[in-house]
Amino acid sequence: MEDKIFLLVKVTIETTHPNIHDAIAELQNSDVAVTGTENVKVLRTEIIPLNTRTSKN
């Protein structure tokens, strides 16, 4: 059976960005790995874009 689930991930960061929204925007372009298990095969992972304020907008 193929289905979609949503996982909320808590990430603790330290950044040199003066604005936390810039750090969030940068992380949204990074890679995330979710591994499968014996009974679950991960087909795709994706970071859902969060519309944040950045110094660019």
PDB file of N, CA and C in Angstrom:
ATOM      1  N   MET A   1       0.853  -1.177   0.000  1.00  0.00           N
ATOM      2  CA  MET A   1       0.000   0.000   0.000  1.00  0.00           C
ATOM      3  C   MET A   1       0.895   1.236   0.000  1.00  0.00           C
ATOM      4  N   GLU A   2       0.586   2.200  -0.843  1.00  0.00           N
ATOM      5  CA  GLU A   2       1.318   3.472  -0.869  1.00  0.00           C
ATOM      6  C   GLU A   2       0.424   4.546  -0.284  1.00  0.00           C
ATOM      7  N   ASP A   3       0.981   5.376   0.595  1.00  0.00           N
ATOM      8  CA  ASP A   3       0.228   6.444   1.238  1.00  0.00           C
ATOM      9  C   ASP A   3       1.179   7.583   1.554  1.00  0.00           C
ATOM     10  N   LYS A   4       0.653   8.717   1.955  1.00  0.00           N
ATOM     11  CA  LYS A   4       1.465   9.863   2.369  1.00  0.00           C
ATOM     12  C   LYS A   4       1.256  10.094   3.854  1.00  0.00           C
ATOM     13  N   ILE A   5       2.358  10.414   4.553  1.00  0.00           N
ATOM     14  CA  ILE A   5       2.294  10.803   5.956  1.00  0.00           C
ATOM     15  C   ILE A   5       3.068  12.107   6.109  1.00  0.00           C
ATOM     16  N   PHE A   6       2.776  12.838   7.158  1.00  0.00           N
ATOM     17  CA  PHE A   6       3.481  14.085   7.442  1.00  0.00           C
ATOM     18  C   PHE A   6       4.174  13.929   8.785  1.00  0.00           C
ATOM     19  N   LEU A   7       5.472  14.203   8.813  1.00  0.00           N
ATOM     20  CA  LEU A   7       6.261  14.148  10.036  1.00  0.00           C
ATOM     21  C   LEU A   7       6.711  15.559  10.375  1.00  0.00           C
ATOM     22  N   LEU A   8       6.500  15.974  11.595  1.00  0.00           N
ATOM     23  CA  LEU A   8       6.973  17.275  12.057  1.00  0.00           C
ATOM     24  C   LEU A   8       8.348  17.059  12.683  1.00  0.00           C
ATOM     25  N   VAL A   9       9.336  17.814  12.231  1.00  0.00           N
ATOM     26  CA  VAL A   9      10.705  17.624  12.687  1.00  0.00           C
ATOM     27  C   VAL A   9      11.153  18.856  13.459  1.00  0.00           C
ATOM     28  N   LYS A  10      11.670  18.637  14.648  1.00  0.00           N
ATOM     29  CA  LYS A  10      12.206  19.736  15.456  1.00  0.00           C
ATOM     30  C   LYS A  10      13.711  19.801  15.198  1.00  0.00           C
ATOM     31  N   VAL A  11      14.195  20.977  14.817  1.00  0.00           N
ATOM     32  CA  VAL A  11      15.608  21.160  14.499  1.00  0.00           C
ATOM     33  C   VAL A  11      16.151  22.287  15.367  1.00  0.00           C
ATOM     34  N   THR A  12      17.202  22.003  16.118  1.00  0.00           N
ATOM     35  CA  THR A  12      17.868  23.027  16.921  1.00  0.00           C
ATOM     36  C   THR A  12      19.081  23.493  16.143  1.00  0.00           C
ATOM     37  N   ILE A  13      19.194  24.796  15.960  1.00  0.00           N
ATOM     38  CA  ILE A  13      20.283  25.331  15.135  1.00  0.00           C
ATOM     39  C   ILE A  13      21.058  26.414  15.872  1.00  0.00           C
ATOM     40  N   GLU A  14      22.231  26.695  15.368  1.00  0.00           N
ATOM     41  CA  GLU A  14      23.008  27.878  15.734  1.00  0.00           C
ATOM     42  C   GLU A  14      23.380  28.508  14.399  1.00  0.00           C
ATOM     43  N   THR A  15      23.188  29.798  14.263  1.00  0.00           N
ATOM     44  CA  THR A  15      23.395  30.436  12.967  1.00  0.00           C
ATOM     45  C   THR A  15      24.065  31.792  13.104  1.00  0.00           C
ATOM     46  N   THR A  16      24.722  32.195  12.038  1.00  0.00           N
ATOM     47  CA  THR A  16      25.306  33.536  11.986  1.00  0.00           C
ATOM     48  C   THR A  16      24.353  34.513  11.302  1.00  0.00           C
ATOM     49  N   HIS A  17      23.230  34.003  10.789  1.00  0.00           N
ATOM     50  CA  HIS A  17      22.244  34.891  10.175  1.00  0.00           C
ATOM     51  C   HIS A  17      21.674  35.826  11.237  1.00  0.00           C
ATOM     52  N   PRO A  18      21.561  37.105  10.955  1.00  0.00           N
ATOM     53  CA  PRO A  18      20.976  38.031  11.927  1.00  0.00           C
ATOM     54  C   PRO A  18      19.457  37.865  12.032  1.00  0.00           C
ATOM     55  N   ASN A  19      18.848  37.240  11.036  1.00  0.00           N
ATOM     56  CA  ASN A  19      17.402  37.064  11.002  1.00  0.00           C
ATOM     57  C   ASN A  19      17.104  35.569  10.900  1.00  0.00           C
ATOM     58  N   ILE A  20      16.357  35.018  11.850  1.00  0.00           N
ATOM     59  CA  ILE A  20      16.068  33.584  11.883  1.00  0.00           C
ATOM     60  C   ILE A  20      15.342  33.128  10.618  1.00  0.00           C
ATOM     61  N   HIS A  21      14.571  34.005  10.016  1.00  0.00           N
ATOM     62  CA  HIS A  21      13.845  33.638   8.800  1.00  0.00           C
ATOM     63  C   HIS A  21      14.795  33.334   7.648  1.00  0.00           C
ATOM     64  N   ASP A  22      15.956  34.013   7.612  1.00  0.00           N
ATOM     65  CA  ASP A  22      16.958  33.713   6.598  1.00  0.00           C
ATOM     66  C   ASP A  22      17.537  32.311   6.806  1.00  0.00           C
ATOM     67  N   ALA A  23      17.735  31.932   8.058  1.00  0.00           N
ATOM     68  CA  ALA A  23      18.239  30.595   8.360  1.00  0.00           C
ATOM     69  C   ALA A  23      17.214  29.530   7.958  1.00  0.00           C
ATOM     70  N   ILE A  24      15.946  29.787   8.230  1.00  0.00           N
ATOM     71  CA  ILE A  24      14.888  28.847   7.847  1.00  0.00           C
ATOM     72  C   ILE A  24      14.849  28.702   6.336  1.00  0.00           C
ATOM     73  N   ALA A  25      14.897  29.815   5.620  1.00  0.00           N
ATOM     74  CA  ALA A  25      14.855  29.776   4.161  1.00  0.00           C
ATOM     75  C   ALA A  25      16.041  28.988   3.603  1.00  0.00           C
ATOM     76  N   GLU A  26      17.198  29.139   4.208  1.00  0.00           N
ATOM     77  CA  GLU A  26      18.378  28.409   3.746  1.00  0.00           C
ATOM     78  C   GLU A  26      18.222  26.908   3.991  1.00  0.00           C
ATOM     79  N   LEU A  27      17.715  26.541   5.147  1.00  0.00           N
ATOM     80  CA  LEU A  27      17.539  25.122   5.454  1.00  0.00           C
ATOM     81  C   LEU A  27      16.495  24.457   4.573  1.00  0.00           C
ATOM     82  N   GLN A  28      15.514  25.215   4.130  1.00  0.00           N
ATOM     83  CA  GLN A  28      14.472  24.636   3.279  1.00  0.00           C
ATOM     84  C   GLN A  28      15.026  24.172   1.938  1.00  0.00           C
ATOM     85  N   ASN A  29      16.227  24.599   1.601  1.00  0.00           N
ATOM     86  CA  ASN A  29      16.873  24.162   0.362  1.00  0.00           C
ATOM     87  C   ASN A  29      17.869  23.037   0.600  1.00  0.00           C
ATOM     88  N   SER A  30      17.896  22.484   1.814  1.00  0.00           N
ATOM     89  CA  SER A  30      18.842  21.416   2.122  1.00  0.00           C
ATOM     90  C   SER A  30      18.191  20.052   1.927  1.00  0.00           C
ATOM     91  N   ASP A  31      18.993  19.012   2.047  1.00  0.00           N
ATOM     92  CA  ASP A  31      18.508  17.640   1.890  1.00  0.00           C
ATOM     93  C   ASP A  31      18.123  17.063   3.240  1.00  0.00           C
ATOM     94  N   VAL A  32      17.093  16.228   3.225  1.00  0.00           N
ATOM     95  CA  VAL A  32      16.634  15.535   4.423  1.00  0.00           C
ATOM     96  C   VAL A  32      16.601  14.048   4.111  1.00  0.00           C
ATOM     97  N   ALA A  33      17.042  13.227   5.045  1.00  0.00           N
ATOM     98  CA  ALA A  33      17.017  11.779   4.833  1.00  0.00           C
ATOM     99  C   ALA A  33      16.118  11.122   5.882  1.00  0.00           C
ATOM    100  N   VAL A  34      15.162  10.360   5.411  1.00  0.00           N
ATOM    101  CA  VAL A  34      14.319   9.540   6.285  1.00  0.00           C
ATOM    102  C   VAL A  34      14.501   8.117   5.802  1.00  0.00           C
ATOM    103  N   THR A  35      15.040   7.280   6.661  1.00  0.00           N
ATOM    104  CA  THR A  35      15.308   5.903   6.254  1.00  0.00           C
ATOM    105  C   THR A  35      14.087   5.030   6.495  1.00  0.00           C
ATOM    106  N   GLY A  36      14.014   3.959   5.778  1.00  0.00           N
ATOM    107  CA  GLY A  36      12.926   3.011   5.943  1.00  0.00           C
ATOM    108  C   GLY A  36      13.246   1.999   7.040  1.00  0.00           C
ATOM    109  N   THR A  37      12.335   1.072   7.194  1.00  0.00           N
ATOM    110  CA  THR A  37      12.511  -0.012   8.156  1.00  0.00           C
ATOM    111  C   THR A  37      12.259  -1.326   7.422  1.00  0.00           C
ATOM    112  N   GLU A  38      12.281  -2.405   8.154  1.00  0.00           N
ATOM    113  CA  GLU A  38      12.008  -3.708   7.554  1.00  0.00           C
ATOM    114  C   GLU A  38      10.614  -3.750   6.919  1.00  0.00           C
ATOM    115  N   ASN A  39       9.660  -3.037   7.521  1.00  0.00           N
ATOM    116  CA  ASN A  39       8.278  -3.087   7.058  1.00  0.00           C
ATOM    117  C   ASN A  39       7.821  -1.839   6.299  1.00  0.00           C
ATOM    118  N   VAL A  40       8.684  -0.817   6.241  1.00  0.00           N
ATOM    119  CA  VAL A  40       8.293   0.443   5.589  1.00  0.00           C
ATOM    120  C   VAL A  40       9.399   0.870   4.640  1.00  0.00           C
ATOM    121  N   LYS A  41       9.056   1.069   3.378  1.00  0.00           N
ATOM    122  CA  LYS A  41      10.001   1.556   2.381  1.00  0.00           C
ATOM    123  C   LYS A  41       9.672   3.016   2.099  1.00  0.00           C
ATOM    124  N   VAL A  42      10.648   3.911   2.312  1.00  0.00           N
ATOM    125  CA  VAL A  42      10.447   5.339   2.052  1.00  0.00           C
ATOM    126  C   VAL A  42      10.662   5.574   0.563  1.00  0.00           C
ATOM    127  N   LEU A  43       9.628   6.086  -0.112  1.00  0.00           N
ATOM    128  CA  LEU A  43       9.699   6.313  -1.549  1.00  0.00           C
ATOM    129  C   LEU A  43      10.188   7.712  -1.889  1.00  0.00           C
ATOM    130  N   ARG A  44       9.729   8.724  -1.172  1.00  0.00           N
ATOM    131  CA  ARG A  44      10.103  10.117  -1.434  1.00  0.00           C
ATOM    132  C   ARG A  44      10.056  10.907  -0.127  1.00  0.00           C
ATOM    133  N   THR A  45      10.941  11.874  -0.010  1.00  0.00           N
ATOM    134  CA  THR A  45      10.869  12.841   1.089  1.00  0.00           C
ATOM    135  C   THR A  45      10.945  14.233   0.484  1.00  0.00           C
ATOM    136  N   GLU A  46      10.334  15.182   1.134  1.00  0.00           N
ATOM    137  CA  GLU A  46      10.333  16.550   0.622  1.00  0.00           C
ATOM    138  C   GLU A  46      10.119  17.500   1.797  1.00  0.00           C
ATOM    139  N   ILE A  47      10.816  18.617   1.771  1.00  0.00           N
ATOM    140  CA  ILE A  47      10.561  19.678   2.745  1.00  0.00           C
ATOM    141  C   ILE A  47       9.455  20.545   2.177  1.00  0.00           C
ATOM    142  N   ILE A  48       8.372  20.682   2.916  1.00  0.00           N
ATOM    143  CA  ILE A  48       7.260  21.514   2.474  1.00  0.00           C
ATOM    144  C   ILE A  48       7.647  22.964   2.715  1.00  0.00           C
ATOM    145  N   PRO A  49       7.655  23.794   1.691  1.00  0.00           N
ATOM    146  CA  PRO A  49       8.085  25.184   1.841  1.00  0.00           C
ATOM    147  C   PRO A  49       7.244  25.945   2.867  1.00  0.00           C
ATOM    148  N   LEU A  50       7.917  26.659   3.709  1.00  0.00           N
ATOM    149  CA  LEU A  50       7.279  27.511   4.704  1.00  0.00           C
ATOM    150  C   LEU A  50       7.524  28.945   4.270  1.00  0.00           C
ATOM    151  N   ASN A  51       6.475  29.697   4.033  1.00  0.00           N
ATOM    152  CA  ASN A  51       6.632  31.085   3.595  1.00  0.00           C
ATOM    153  C   ASN A  51       7.061  31.945   4.777  1.00  0.00           C
ATOM    154  N   THR A  52       8.331  32.308   4.779  1.00  0.00           N
ATOM    155  CA  THR A  52       8.879  33.112   5.863  1.00  0.00           C
ATOM    156  C   THR A  52       9.312  34.462   5.323  1.00  0.00           C
ATOM    157  N   ARG A  53       9.407  35.407   6.212  1.00  0.00           N
ATOM    158  CA  ARG A  53       9.956  36.704   5.835  1.00  0.00           C
ATOM    159  C   ARG A  53      11.466  36.568   5.807  1.00  0.00           C
ATOM    160  N   THR A  54      12.095  37.100   4.796  1.00  0.00           N
ATOM    161  CA  THR A  54      13.552  37.113   4.731  1.00  0.00           C
ATOM    162  C   THR A  54      14.011  38.535   4.489  1.00  0.00           C
ATOM    163  N   SER A  55      15.297  38.739   4.606  1.00  0.00           N
ATOM    164  CA  SER A  55      15.825  40.081   4.347  1.00  0.00           C
ATOM    165  C   SER A  55      15.667  40.446   2.878  1.00  0.00           C
ATOM    166  N   LYS A  56      15.371  39.444   2.034  1.00  0.00           N
ATOM    167  CA  LYS A  56      15.222  39.685   0.604  1.00  0.00           C
ATOM    168  C   LYS A  56      13.798  40.078   0.235  1.00  0.00           C
ATOM    169  N   ASN A  57      12.834  39.900   1.141  1.00  0.00           N
ATOM    170  CA  ASN A  57      11.455  40.305   0.804  1.00  0.00           C
ATOM    171  C   ASN A  57      10.811  41.096   1.905  1.00  0.00           C
TER     172      ASN A  57
END
